[in-house]
Amino acid sequence: MRIAFVLASSLLLTSAAAAQSVTSAFEGFSGRSNEPVNVEADNLEVREKDQAAIFSGNVQVVQGDSTLRSKQLTIFYYGDQNKPAAPAADKSRPTQGATSGPAGTPAAPQGRDIRRLEAEGNVVVTSKDQRATGQRGVFDMPSNTVTLTGGVVVSQGENVIRGDRLHVDLTTQRSRIESAGGGGGRVQGVFKPGNREGGR
């Protein structure tokens, strides 16, 4: 039985559009999103002392139009003492928290704001026709950024970009793909221009 939780994110033009898809794939996980975070996994371990909840086994996270899959996901949340000051409550915005699990299973903390998500093992992020893969992903809510590392591949249709590290700033909508360097590795991209009318 799986455990479900709801937690309250010309060729030049073609390559530019492909680069934009890098950001678009992660837009649903923006720290400024009003959408709830829905998590499914086989197991959950709550470490209240560390203010963390660890989901493992076929993890799937959905927020807005974005979906994240990985082997393990650790959610770090703010405790009562280190929670940042917040403006007056907005009743139209859902609280980032979690409902209790089935009887006999641990429940993720409720009413806690998420400060960071750490996904590990075959990380796959998708949104519509956009897809980004790697081995480890860190979603930092205060800075509204995402860092994906480990054989990163970003694709939209036939357009593909490969590198070792991807950094996405969801506030400025800017993304950067880097190579590890030193081993001859380089960032690689394949961009297929769209068909022109009349074969021109």
N, C-alpha and C. Protein backbone atom coordinates (compact mmCIF):
# COMPACT_ATOMS: atom_id res chain seq x y z
N MET A 1 0.85 -1.20 0.00
CA MET A 1 0.00 0.00 0.00
C MET A 1 0.88 1.24 0.00
N ARG A 2 0.57 2.17 -0.90
CA ARG A 2 1.34 3.40 -0.96
C ARG A 2 0.77 4.43 0.00
N ILE A 3 1.59 5.38 0.38
CA ILE A 3 1.17 6.42 1.32
C ILE A 3 1.01 7.71 0.54
N ALA A 4 -0.12 8.37 0.63
CA ALA A 4 -0.36 9.60 -0.09
C ALA A 4 -0.44 10.76 0.89
N PHE A 5 0.21 11.86 0.55
CA PHE A 5 0.21 13.05 1.41
C PHE A 5 -0.01 14.28 0.56
N VAL A 6 -0.57 15.31 1.14
CA VAL A 6 -0.73 16.59 0.49
C VAL A 6 -0.01 17.63 1.31
N LEU A 7 0.99 18.24 0.75
CA LEU A 7 1.78 19.27 1.45
C LEU A 7 1.36 20.66 0.92
N ALA A 8 0.91 21.40 2.56
CA ALA A 8 0.41 22.78 2.33
C ALA A 8 1.53 23.87 2.30
N SER A 9 5.36 25.02 -5.52
CA SER A 9 6.46 25.63 -6.84
C SER A 9 6.45 25.93 -8.43
N SER A 10 14.34 30.93 -36.51
CA SER A 10 15.63 30.47 -37.09
C SER A 10 16.25 29.57 -36.07
N LEU A 11 17.43 28.89 -35.99
CA LEU A 11 18.07 28.01 -35.04
C LEU A 11 18.30 28.74 -33.74
N LEU A 12 18.63 30.02 -33.80
CA LEU A 12 18.87 30.82 -32.59
C LEU A 12 17.60 30.89 -31.77
N LEU A 13 16.47 31.12 -32.44
CA LEU A 13 15.20 31.19 -31.73
C LEU A 13 14.83 29.82 -31.17
N THR A 14 15.15 28.78 -31.93
CA THR A 14 14.85 27.42 -31.47
C THR A 14 15.65 27.10 -30.22
N SER A 15 16.95 27.44 -30.22
CA SER A 15 17.78 27.16 -29.05
C SER A 15 17.35 28.00 -27.86
N ALA A 16 16.91 29.24 -28.12
CA ALA A 16 16.42 30.09 -27.03
C ALA A 16 15.15 29.50 -26.43
N ALA A 17 14.28 28.98 -27.29
CA ALA A 17 13.04 28.37 -26.80
C ALA A 17 13.35 27.12 -25.98
N ALA A 18 14.36 26.36 -26.43
CA ALA A 18 14.75 25.16 -25.68
C ALA A 18 15.31 25.53 -24.33
N ALA A 19 16.11 26.59 -24.28
CA ALA A 19 16.66 27.04 -23.01
C ALA A 19 15.56 27.51 -22.08
N GLN A 20 14.53 28.15 -22.64
CA GLN A 20 13.40 28.60 -21.82
C GLN A 20 12.67 27.41 -21.22
N SER A 21 12.64 26.28 -21.97
CA SER A 21 11.95 25.10 -21.46
C SER A 21 12.64 24.54 -20.22
N VAL A 22 13.94 24.85 -20.07
CA VAL A 22 14.66 24.41 -18.87
C VAL A 22 13.98 24.98 -17.64
N THR A 23 13.66 26.27 -17.69
CA THR A 23 12.99 26.92 -16.56
C THR A 23 11.54 26.44 -16.42
N SER A 24 10.86 26.30 -17.56
CA SER A 24 9.45 25.95 -17.54
C SER A 24 9.19 24.61 -16.87
N ALA A 25 10.11 23.67 -17.02
CA ALA A 25 9.91 22.34 -16.44
C ALA A 25 9.78 22.39 -14.92
N PHE A 26 10.39 23.42 -14.30
CA PHE A 26 10.41 23.51 -12.83
C PHE A 26 9.43 24.54 -12.27
N GLU A 27 8.71 25.25 -13.13
CA GLU A 27 7.88 26.37 -12.67
C GLU A 27 6.87 25.97 -11.61
N GLY A 28 6.34 24.76 -11.73
CA GLY A 28 5.34 24.32 -10.76
C GLY A 28 5.87 24.25 -9.34
N PHE A 29 7.20 24.10 -9.19
CA PHE A 29 7.81 23.98 -7.87
C PHE A 29 8.34 25.30 -7.33
N SER A 30 7.90 26.38 -7.92
CA SER A 30 8.32 27.69 -7.43
C SER A 30 7.89 27.89 -5.99
N GLY A 31 8.78 28.49 -5.19
CA GLY A 31 8.46 28.77 -3.80
C GLY A 31 7.34 29.79 -3.67
N ARG A 32 7.00 30.44 -4.76
CA ARG A 32 5.93 31.43 -4.75
C ARG A 32 4.62 30.87 -5.30
N SER A 33 4.60 29.57 -5.55
CA SER A 33 3.39 28.94 -6.07
C SER A 33 2.34 28.82 -4.99
N ASN A 34 1.07 28.99 -5.37
CA ASN A 34 -0.04 28.84 -4.44
C ASN A 34 -0.59 27.41 -4.43
N GLU A 35 -0.01 26.56 -5.30
CA GLU A 35 -0.51 25.20 -5.42
C GLU A 35 0.02 24.33 -4.26
N PRO A 36 -0.80 23.39 -3.79
CA PRO A 36 -0.32 22.46 -2.75
C PRO A 36 0.67 21.49 -3.37
N VAL A 37 1.52 20.88 -2.53
CA VAL A 37 2.48 19.88 -2.96
C VAL A 37 1.92 18.51 -2.61
N ASN A 38 1.68 17.67 -3.60
CA ASN A 38 1.13 16.34 -3.38
C ASN A 38 2.25 15.30 -3.48
N VAL A 39 2.42 14.48 -2.46
CA VAL A 39 3.51 13.51 -2.41
C VAL A 39 2.95 12.11 -2.23
N GLU A 40 3.48 11.16 -3.01
CA GLU A 40 3.18 9.74 -2.84
C GLU A 40 4.49 8.98 -2.72
N ALA A 41 4.54 8.00 -1.84
CA ALA A 41 5.74 7.18 -1.66
C ALA A 41 5.37 5.89 -0.96
N ASP A 42 6.29 4.93 -0.99
CA ASP A 42 6.04 3.66 -0.30
C ASP A 42 6.26 3.77 1.20
N ASN A 43 7.19 4.64 1.61
CA ASN A 43 7.54 4.75 3.03
C ASN A 43 7.74 6.20 3.43
N LEU A 44 7.53 6.47 4.70
CA LEU A 44 7.77 7.80 5.25
C LEU A 44 8.40 7.67 6.63
N GLU A 45 9.47 8.43 6.85
CA GLU A 45 10.11 8.52 8.16
C GLU A 45 10.16 9.99 8.55
N VAL A 46 9.63 10.33 9.72
CA VAL A 46 9.62 11.71 10.20
C VAL A 46 10.67 11.86 11.28
N ARG A 47 11.57 12.83 11.10
CA ARG A 47 12.60 13.13 12.09
C ARG A 47 12.34 14.52 12.64
N GLU A 48 11.53 14.57 13.68
CA GLU A 48 11.11 15.86 14.23
C GLU A 48 12.30 16.67 14.74
N LYS A 49 13.29 15.99 15.30
CA LYS A 49 14.46 16.70 15.81
C LYS A 49 15.21 17.43 14.70
N ASP A 50 15.26 16.80 13.52
CA ASP A 50 15.94 17.40 12.36
C ASP A 50 14.99 18.25 11.52
N GLN A 51 13.73 18.28 11.91
CA GLN A 51 12.69 18.99 11.16
C GLN A 51 12.70 18.54 9.70
N ALA A 52 12.60 17.23 9.54
CA ALA A 52 12.67 16.64 8.21
C ALA A 52 11.72 15.46 8.10
N ALA A 53 11.21 15.25 6.89
CA ALA A 53 10.38 14.10 6.57
C ALA A 53 11.01 13.43 5.36
N ILE A 54 11.29 12.12 5.48
CA ILE A 54 11.99 11.40 4.42
C ILE A 54 11.03 10.41 3.77
N PHE A 55 10.75 10.64 2.50
CA PHE A 55 9.90 9.74 1.71
C PHE A 55 10.82 8.86 0.87
N SER A 56 10.52 7.58 0.78
CA SER A 56 11.35 6.67 0.00
C SER A 56 10.51 5.63 -0.72
N GLY A 57 11.04 5.15 -1.84
CA GLY A 57 10.34 4.13 -2.61
C GLY A 57 9.34 4.69 -3.59
N ASN A 58 9.73 4.77 -4.87
CA ASN A 58 8.82 5.23 -5.93
C ASN A 58 8.15 6.56 -5.57
N VAL A 59 8.97 7.52 -5.22
CA VAL A 59 8.45 8.82 -4.79
C VAL A 59 7.92 9.60 -5.99
N GLN A 60 6.76 10.20 -5.83
CA GLN A 60 6.19 11.08 -6.85
C GLN A 60 5.65 12.34 -6.18
N VAL A 61 6.07 13.49 -6.70
CA VAL A 61 5.64 14.77 -6.16
C VAL A 61 4.99 15.56 -7.29
N VAL A 62 3.82 16.12 -7.02
CA VAL A 62 3.13 16.93 -8.02
C VAL A 62 2.77 18.28 -7.42
N GLN A 63 3.16 19.35 -8.10
CA GLN A 63 2.74 20.68 -7.72
C GLN A 63 2.46 21.46 -8.99
N GLY A 64 1.24 21.94 -9.14
CA GLY A 64 0.87 22.64 -10.35
C GLY A 64 1.02 21.73 -11.55
N ASP A 65 1.70 22.20 -12.60
CA ASP A 65 1.89 21.41 -13.82
C ASP A 65 3.17 20.58 -13.78
N SER A 66 3.93 20.66 -12.71
CA SER A 66 5.21 19.96 -12.63
C SER A 66 5.11 18.69 -11.79
N THR A 67 5.83 17.65 -12.24
CA THR A 67 5.87 16.38 -11.53
C THR A 67 7.32 15.98 -11.31
N LEU A 68 7.64 15.54 -10.11
CA LEU A 68 8.98 15.07 -9.75
C LEU A 68 8.89 13.61 -9.34
N ARG A 69 9.82 12.80 -9.87
CA ARG A 69 9.94 11.40 -9.47
C ARG A 69 11.37 11.14 -9.05
N SER A 70 11.55 10.35 -7.99
CA SER A 70 12.89 10.00 -7.51
C SER A 70 12.79 8.79 -6.60
N LYS A 71 13.95 8.25 -6.22
CA LYS A 71 13.97 7.12 -5.29
C LYS A 71 13.70 7.58 -3.87
N GLN A 72 14.21 8.78 -3.54
CA GLN A 72 14.04 9.30 -2.18
C GLN A 72 13.85 10.80 -2.21
N LEU A 73 13.05 11.30 -1.29
CA LEU A 73 12.83 12.74 -1.17
C LEU A 73 12.84 13.12 0.30
N THR A 74 13.69 14.09 0.64
CA THR A 74 13.72 14.62 2.00
C THR A 74 13.15 16.03 2.00
N ILE A 75 12.15 16.25 2.84
CA ILE A 75 11.53 17.57 2.95
C ILE A 75 11.96 18.18 4.27
N PHE A 76 12.63 19.32 4.20
CA PHE A 76 13.02 20.05 5.40
C PHE A 76 12.03 21.19 5.60
N TYR A 77 11.52 21.31 6.81
CA TYR A 77 10.51 22.32 7.09
C TYR A 77 10.94 23.19 8.26
N TYR A 78 10.30 24.33 8.36
CA TYR A 78 10.61 25.26 9.45
C TYR A 78 9.96 24.79 10.74
N GLY A 79 10.74 24.84 11.83
CA GLY A 79 10.19 24.58 13.13
C GLY A 79 9.58 25.85 13.69
N ASP A 80 8.96 25.75 14.84
CA ASP A 80 8.30 26.93 15.43
C ASP A 80 9.29 28.02 15.78
N GLN A 81 10.55 27.63 16.09
CA GLN A 81 11.53 28.61 16.53
C GLN A 81 12.27 29.28 15.37
N ASN A 82 12.46 28.55 14.24
CA ASN A 82 13.23 29.14 13.15
C ASN A 82 12.39 29.53 11.95
N LYS A 83 11.08 29.49 12.11
CA LYS A 83 10.22 29.89 11.02
C LYS A 83 10.33 31.39 10.78
N PRO A 84 10.57 31.82 9.53
CA PRO A 84 10.72 33.25 9.25
C PRO A 84 9.42 34.00 9.45
N ALA A 85 9.53 35.29 9.76
CA ALA A 85 8.34 36.11 9.94
C ALA A 85 7.54 36.13 8.66
N ALA A 86 6.24 36.03 8.78
CA ALA A 86 5.37 35.99 7.60
C ALA A 86 4.36 37.12 7.67
N PRO A 87 3.91 37.59 6.49
CA PRO A 87 2.88 38.62 6.48
C PRO A 87 1.55 38.06 6.95
N ALA A 88 0.57 38.91 7.07
CA ALA A 88 -0.75 38.46 7.52
C ALA A 88 -1.23 37.32 6.66
N ALA A 89 -1.91 36.37 7.28
CA ALA A 89 -2.33 35.16 6.59
C ALA A 89 -3.22 35.49 5.40
N ASP A 90 -2.94 34.79 4.28
CA ASP A 90 -3.74 34.93 3.08
C ASP A 90 -4.60 33.68 2.96
N LYS A 91 -5.89 33.81 3.22
CA LYS A 91 -6.77 32.66 3.24
C LYS A 91 -6.93 32.01 1.89
N SER A 92 -6.57 32.75 0.81
CA SER A 92 -6.69 32.19 -0.53
C SER A 92 -5.52 31.28 -0.86
N ARG A 93 -4.45 31.30 -0.03
CA ARG A 93 -3.26 30.50 -0.28
C ARG A 93 -3.25 29.30 0.65
N PRO A 94 -3.14 28.08 0.09
CA PRO A 94 -3.16 26.89 0.94
C PRO A 94 -1.91 26.80 1.79
N THR A 95 -2.08 26.21 2.97
CA THR A 95 -0.94 26.02 3.87
C THR A 95 -0.12 24.84 3.43
N GLN A 96 1.22 24.95 3.47
CA GLN A 96 2.07 23.84 3.15
C GLN A 96 2.18 22.97 4.38
N GLY A 97 1.54 21.82 4.33
CA GLY A 97 1.55 20.90 5.45
C GLY A 97 1.25 19.53 4.93
N ALA A 98 0.78 18.65 5.78
CA ALA A 98 0.47 17.31 5.29
C ALA A 98 -0.67 16.73 6.07
N THR A 99 -1.48 15.93 5.40
CA THR A 99 -2.54 15.21 6.08
C THR A 99 -1.93 13.96 6.69
N SER A 100 -2.63 13.36 7.62
CA SER A 100 -2.12 12.14 8.23
C SER A 100 -2.24 10.99 7.25
N GLY A 101 -1.37 9.97 7.44
CA GLY A 101 -1.39 8.81 6.57
C GLY A 101 -2.41 7.81 7.06
N PRO A 102 -2.44 6.62 6.40
CA PRO A 102 -3.36 5.57 6.82
C PRO A 102 -3.07 5.15 8.26
N ALA A 103 -4.02 4.49 8.87
CA ALA A 103 -3.86 4.08 10.27
C ALA A 103 -2.60 3.25 10.44
N GLY A 104 -1.83 3.56 11.49
CA GLY A 104 -0.62 2.81 11.76
C GLY A 104 0.62 3.33 11.06
N THR A 105 0.48 4.39 10.24
CA THR A 105 1.63 4.95 9.54
C THR A 105 1.93 6.32 10.10
N PRO A 106 3.21 6.76 10.03
CA PRO A 106 3.54 8.08 10.54
C PRO A 106 2.94 9.16 9.68
N ALA A 107 2.68 10.30 10.26
CA ALA A 107 2.10 11.41 9.51
C ALA A 107 3.13 12.50 9.36
N ALA A 108 3.20 13.07 8.15
CA ALA A 108 4.11 14.18 7.93
C ALA A 108 3.59 15.39 8.70
N PRO A 109 4.47 16.30 9.11
CA PRO A 109 4.06 17.45 9.91
C PRO A 109 3.01 18.29 9.17
N GLN A 110 2.05 18.76 9.93
CA GLN A 110 1.00 19.58 9.34
C GLN A 110 1.25 21.05 9.65
N GLY A 111 0.85 21.91 8.70
CA GLY A 111 0.92 23.34 8.91
C GLY A 111 2.34 23.87 8.99
N ARG A 112 3.32 23.17 8.41
CA ARG A 112 4.70 23.60 8.43
C ARG A 112 5.11 24.09 7.05
N ASP A 113 5.77 25.22 6.98
CA ASP A 113 6.25 25.72 5.71
C ASP A 113 7.52 24.98 5.30
N ILE A 114 7.59 24.61 4.04
CA ILE A 114 8.74 23.89 3.51
C ILE A 114 9.87 24.87 3.22
N ARG A 115 11.09 24.51 3.63
CA ARG A 115 12.24 25.36 3.30
C ARG A 115 13.15 24.75 2.24
N ARG A 116 13.15 23.41 2.11
CA ARG A 116 13.99 22.78 1.09
C ARG A 116 13.51 21.37 0.78
N LEU A 117 13.61 21.00 -0.49
CA LEU A 117 13.37 19.64 -0.92
C LEU A 117 14.67 19.08 -1.48
N GLU A 118 15.01 17.85 -1.10
CA GLU A 118 16.21 17.20 -1.63
C GLU A 118 15.79 15.85 -2.21
N ALA A 119 15.88 15.74 -3.54
CA ALA A 119 15.51 14.50 -4.22
C ALA A 119 16.78 13.76 -4.64
N GLU A 120 16.80 12.45 -4.44
CA GLU A 120 17.99 11.66 -4.77
C GLU A 120 17.62 10.37 -5.48
N GLY A 121 18.43 10.01 -6.49
CA GLY A 121 18.24 8.75 -7.19
C GLY A 121 17.29 8.84 -8.36
N ASN A 122 17.84 8.84 -9.59
CA ASN A 122 17.02 8.86 -10.81
C ASN A 122 15.95 9.95 -10.75
N VAL A 123 16.39 11.18 -10.56
CA VAL A 123 15.47 12.31 -10.44
C VAL A 123 14.95 12.69 -11.83
N VAL A 124 13.63 12.76 -11.96
CA VAL A 124 13.00 13.14 -13.22
C VAL A 124 11.95 14.21 -12.94
N VAL A 125 12.08 15.35 -13.61
CA VAL A 125 11.10 16.44 -13.48
C VAL A 125 10.45 16.65 -14.84
N THR A 126 9.13 16.63 -14.88
CA THR A 126 8.41 16.82 -16.13
C THR A 126 7.32 17.88 -15.98
N SER A 127 7.05 18.55 -17.08
CA SER A 127 5.96 19.51 -17.16
C SER A 127 5.54 19.60 -18.61
N LYS A 128 4.35 19.06 -18.92
CA LYS A 128 3.87 18.99 -20.30
C LYS A 128 4.89 18.23 -21.14
N ASP A 129 5.48 18.85 -22.19
CA ASP A 129 6.44 18.14 -23.04
C ASP A 129 7.89 18.42 -22.63
N GLN A 130 8.08 19.03 -21.47
CA GLN A 130 9.43 19.35 -21.00
C GLN A 130 9.86 18.33 -19.96
N ARG A 131 11.16 17.98 -19.99
CA ARG A 131 11.66 16.93 -19.12
C ARG A 131 13.10 17.24 -18.72
N ALA A 132 13.41 17.07 -17.44
CA ALA A 132 14.78 17.26 -16.95
C ALA A 132 15.12 16.09 -16.04
N THR A 133 16.30 15.50 -16.24
CA THR A 133 16.71 14.35 -15.45
C THR A 133 18.11 14.56 -14.87
N GLY A 134 18.38 13.90 -13.76
CA GLY A 134 19.68 13.96 -13.09
C GLY A 134 19.67 12.96 -11.95
N GLN A 135 20.70 13.00 -11.12
CA GLN A 135 20.78 12.08 -10.00
C GLN A 135 20.43 12.72 -8.65
N ARG A 136 20.51 14.05 -8.59
CA ARG A 136 20.18 14.73 -7.33
C ARG A 136 19.61 16.11 -7.63
N GLY A 137 18.54 16.45 -6.95
CA GLY A 137 17.92 17.76 -7.14
C GLY A 137 17.66 18.43 -5.80
N VAL A 138 18.01 19.71 -5.69
CA VAL A 138 17.77 20.49 -4.48
C VAL A 138 16.88 21.67 -4.84
N PHE A 139 15.73 21.76 -4.18
CA PHE A 139 14.77 22.84 -4.40
C PHE A 139 14.80 23.72 -3.16
N ASP A 140 15.35 24.91 -3.28
CA ASP A 140 15.50 25.81 -2.14
C ASP A 140 14.39 26.87 -2.20
N MET A 141 13.49 26.84 -1.23
CA MET A 141 12.33 27.73 -1.26
C MET A 141 12.67 29.20 -0.99
N PRO A 142 13.51 29.52 0.02
CA PRO A 142 13.81 30.94 0.27
C PRO A 142 14.42 31.66 -0.93
N SER A 143 15.35 30.99 -1.64
CA SER A 143 15.99 31.61 -2.80
C SER A 143 15.22 31.35 -4.09
N ASN A 144 14.22 30.47 -4.03
CA ASN A 144 13.40 30.12 -5.19
C ASN A 144 14.26 29.61 -6.34
N THR A 145 15.19 28.70 -6.00
CA THR A 145 16.10 28.14 -7.00
C THR A 145 16.07 26.62 -6.96
N VAL A 146 16.52 26.04 -8.07
CA VAL A 146 16.63 24.58 -8.19
C VAL A 146 18.02 24.26 -8.72
N THR A 147 18.67 23.25 -8.14
CA THR A 147 19.96 22.77 -8.63
C THR A 147 19.85 21.28 -8.89
N LEU A 148 20.14 20.88 -10.13
CA LEU A 148 20.08 19.48 -10.53
C LEU A 148 21.48 19.05 -10.96
N THR A 149 21.96 17.93 -10.44
CA THR A 149 23.32 17.48 -10.74
C THR A 149 23.33 15.99 -11.09
N GLY A 150 24.43 15.57 -11.75
CA GLY A 150 24.60 14.16 -12.06
C GLY A 150 24.05 13.76 -13.41
N GLY A 151 24.83 13.95 -14.47
CA GLY A 151 24.37 13.54 -15.80
C GLY A 151 23.07 14.20 -16.21
N VAL A 152 23.03 15.51 -16.14
CA VAL A 152 21.79 16.26 -16.40
C VAL A 152 21.42 16.22 -17.89
N VAL A 153 20.17 15.93 -18.16
CA VAL A 153 19.63 15.97 -19.53
C VAL A 153 18.32 16.73 -19.49
N VAL A 154 18.22 17.76 -20.31
CA VAL A 154 16.99 18.56 -20.40
C VAL A 154 16.48 18.46 -21.83
N SER A 155 15.20 18.17 -22.00
CA SER A 155 14.67 18.01 -23.35
C SER A 155 13.27 18.59 -23.48
N GLN A 156 12.98 19.01 -24.70
CA GLN A 156 11.63 19.42 -25.09
C GLN A 156 11.47 18.98 -26.53
N GLY A 157 10.64 17.97 -26.74
CA GLY A 157 10.52 17.41 -28.08
C GLY A 157 11.86 16.83 -28.51
N GLU A 158 12.36 17.27 -29.68
CA GLU A 158 13.64 16.78 -30.19
C GLU A 158 14.82 17.63 -29.74
N ASN A 159 14.56 18.71 -29.03
CA ASN A 159 15.63 19.58 -28.54
C ASN A 159 16.17 19.03 -27.22
N VAL A 160 17.49 18.84 -27.16
CA VAL A 160 18.12 18.22 -25.99
C VAL A 160 19.36 19.00 -25.58
N ILE A 161 19.51 19.22 -24.27
CA ILE A 161 20.71 19.84 -23.71
C ILE A 161 21.25 18.91 -22.64
N ARG A 162 22.59 18.68 -22.66
CA ARG A 162 23.23 17.81 -21.68
C ARG A 162 24.35 18.55 -20.96
N GLY A 163 24.51 18.26 -19.68
CA GLY A 163 25.57 18.86 -18.89
C GLY A 163 25.71 18.12 -17.58
N ASP A 164 26.54 18.65 -16.69
CA ASP A 164 26.76 18.01 -15.39
C ASP A 164 25.97 18.68 -14.27
N ARG A 165 25.64 19.96 -14.46
CA ARG A 165 24.97 20.69 -13.38
C ARG A 165 24.03 21.72 -14.00
N LEU A 166 22.82 21.76 -13.47
CA LEU A 166 21.81 22.73 -13.91
C LEU A 166 21.38 23.58 -12.74
N HIS A 167 21.42 24.89 -12.92
CA HIS A 167 20.95 25.82 -11.89
C HIS A 167 19.82 26.65 -12.49
N VAL A 168 18.68 26.67 -11.81
CA VAL A 168 17.52 27.41 -12.29
C VAL A 168 17.07 28.42 -11.24
N ASP A 169 16.94 29.68 -11.65
CA ASP A 169 16.39 30.72 -10.77
C ASP A 169 14.96 30.97 -11.23
N LEU A 170 14.00 30.53 -10.44
CA LEU A 170 12.60 30.62 -10.84
C LEU A 170 12.03 32.03 -10.69
N THR A 171 12.75 32.90 -9.99
CA THR A 171 12.30 34.29 -9.86
C THR A 171 12.67 35.10 -11.09
N THR A 172 13.93 34.98 -11.53
CA THR A 172 14.40 35.73 -12.70
C THR A 172 14.16 34.98 -14.00
N GLN A 173 13.72 33.69 -13.90
CA GLN A 173 13.50 32.85 -15.08
C GLN A 173 14.80 32.63 -15.87
N ARG A 174 15.90 32.55 -15.16
CA ARG A 174 17.19 32.31 -15.80
C ARG A 174 17.71 30.93 -15.40
N SER A 175 18.34 30.25 -16.36
CA SER A 175 18.90 28.92 -16.08
C SER A 175 20.32 28.85 -16.63
N ARG A 176 21.13 27.99 -16.01
CA ARG A 176 22.52 27.84 -16.43
C ARG A 176 22.89 26.37 -16.33
N ILE A 177 23.45 25.83 -17.42
CA ILE A 177 23.92 24.45 -17.45
C ILE A 177 25.43 24.47 -17.55
N GLU A 178 26.10 23.69 -16.70
CA GLU A 178 27.55 23.70 -16.64
C GLU A 178 28.10 22.29 -16.80
N SER A 179 29.37 22.21 -17.23
CA SER A 179 30.08 20.94 -17.26
C SER A 179 30.97 20.88 -16.03
N ALA A 180 31.33 19.67 -15.63
CA ALA A 180 32.17 19.50 -14.45
C ALA A 180 33.57 20.04 -14.69
N GLY A 181 34.03 19.99 -15.95
CA GLY A 181 35.38 20.48 -16.27
C GLY A 181 36.45 19.52 -15.80
N GLY A 182 37.61 19.64 -16.40
CA GLY A 182 38.74 18.83 -15.98
C GLY A 182 38.77 17.45 -16.61
N GLY A 183 37.63 16.93 -17.04
CA GLY A 183 37.60 15.60 -17.65
C GLY A 183 37.27 15.63 -19.11
N GLY A 184 37.31 16.81 -19.70
CA GLY A 184 37.01 16.93 -21.11
C GLY A 184 35.53 17.04 -21.41
N GLY A 185 34.70 16.98 -20.37
CA GLY A 185 33.27 17.09 -20.60
C GLY A 185 32.86 18.51 -20.96
N ARG A 186 31.88 18.63 -21.83
CA ARG A 186 31.39 19.93 -22.25
C ARG A 186 29.87 19.89 -22.29
N VAL A 187 29.25 21.05 -22.21
CA VAL A 187 27.80 21.14 -22.36
C VAL A 187 27.47 20.88 -23.82
N GLN A 188 26.50 20.03 -24.07
CA GLN A 188 26.11 19.67 -25.42
C GLN A 188 24.64 19.98 -25.65
N GLY A 189 24.32 20.44 -26.86
CA GLY A 189 22.93 20.75 -27.20
C GLY A 189 22.61 20.34 -28.61
N VAL A 190 21.42 19.80 -28.82
CA VAL A 190 20.91 19.47 -30.15
C VAL A 190 19.59 20.19 -30.30
N PHE A 191 19.52 21.11 -31.28
CA PHE A 191 18.32 21.91 -31.48
C PHE A 191 17.80 21.70 -32.89
N LYS A 192 16.56 21.27 -33.01
CA LYS A 192 15.94 21.03 -34.31
C LYS A 192 15.06 22.22 -34.68
N PRO A 193 15.43 22.96 -35.75
CA PRO A 193 14.61 24.09 -36.16
C PRO A 193 13.25 23.61 -36.66
N GLY A 194 12.22 24.45 -36.46
CA GLY A 194 10.88 24.10 -36.90
C GLY A 194 10.79 24.14 -38.41
N ASN A 195 9.78 23.45 -38.96
CA ASN A 195 9.57 23.44 -40.40
C ASN A 195 9.11 24.81 -40.88
N ARG A 196 9.65 25.23 -42.01
CA ARG A 196 9.24 26.51 -42.61
C ARG A 196 8.23 26.27 -43.71
N GLU A 197 7.32 27.21 -43.89
CA GLU A 197 6.29 27.06 -44.92
C GLU A 197 6.94 27.06 -46.30
N GLY A 198 6.43 26.20 -47.18
CA GLY A 198 6.93 26.16 -48.55
C GLY A 198 8.29 25.52 -48.66
N GLY A 199 8.76 24.88 -47.57
CA GLY A 199 10.05 24.21 -47.63
C GLY A 199 11.21 25.15 -47.59
N ARG A 200 11.00 26.43 -47.22
CA ARG A 200 12.07 27.40 -47.17
C ARG A 200 12.54 27.61 -45.74
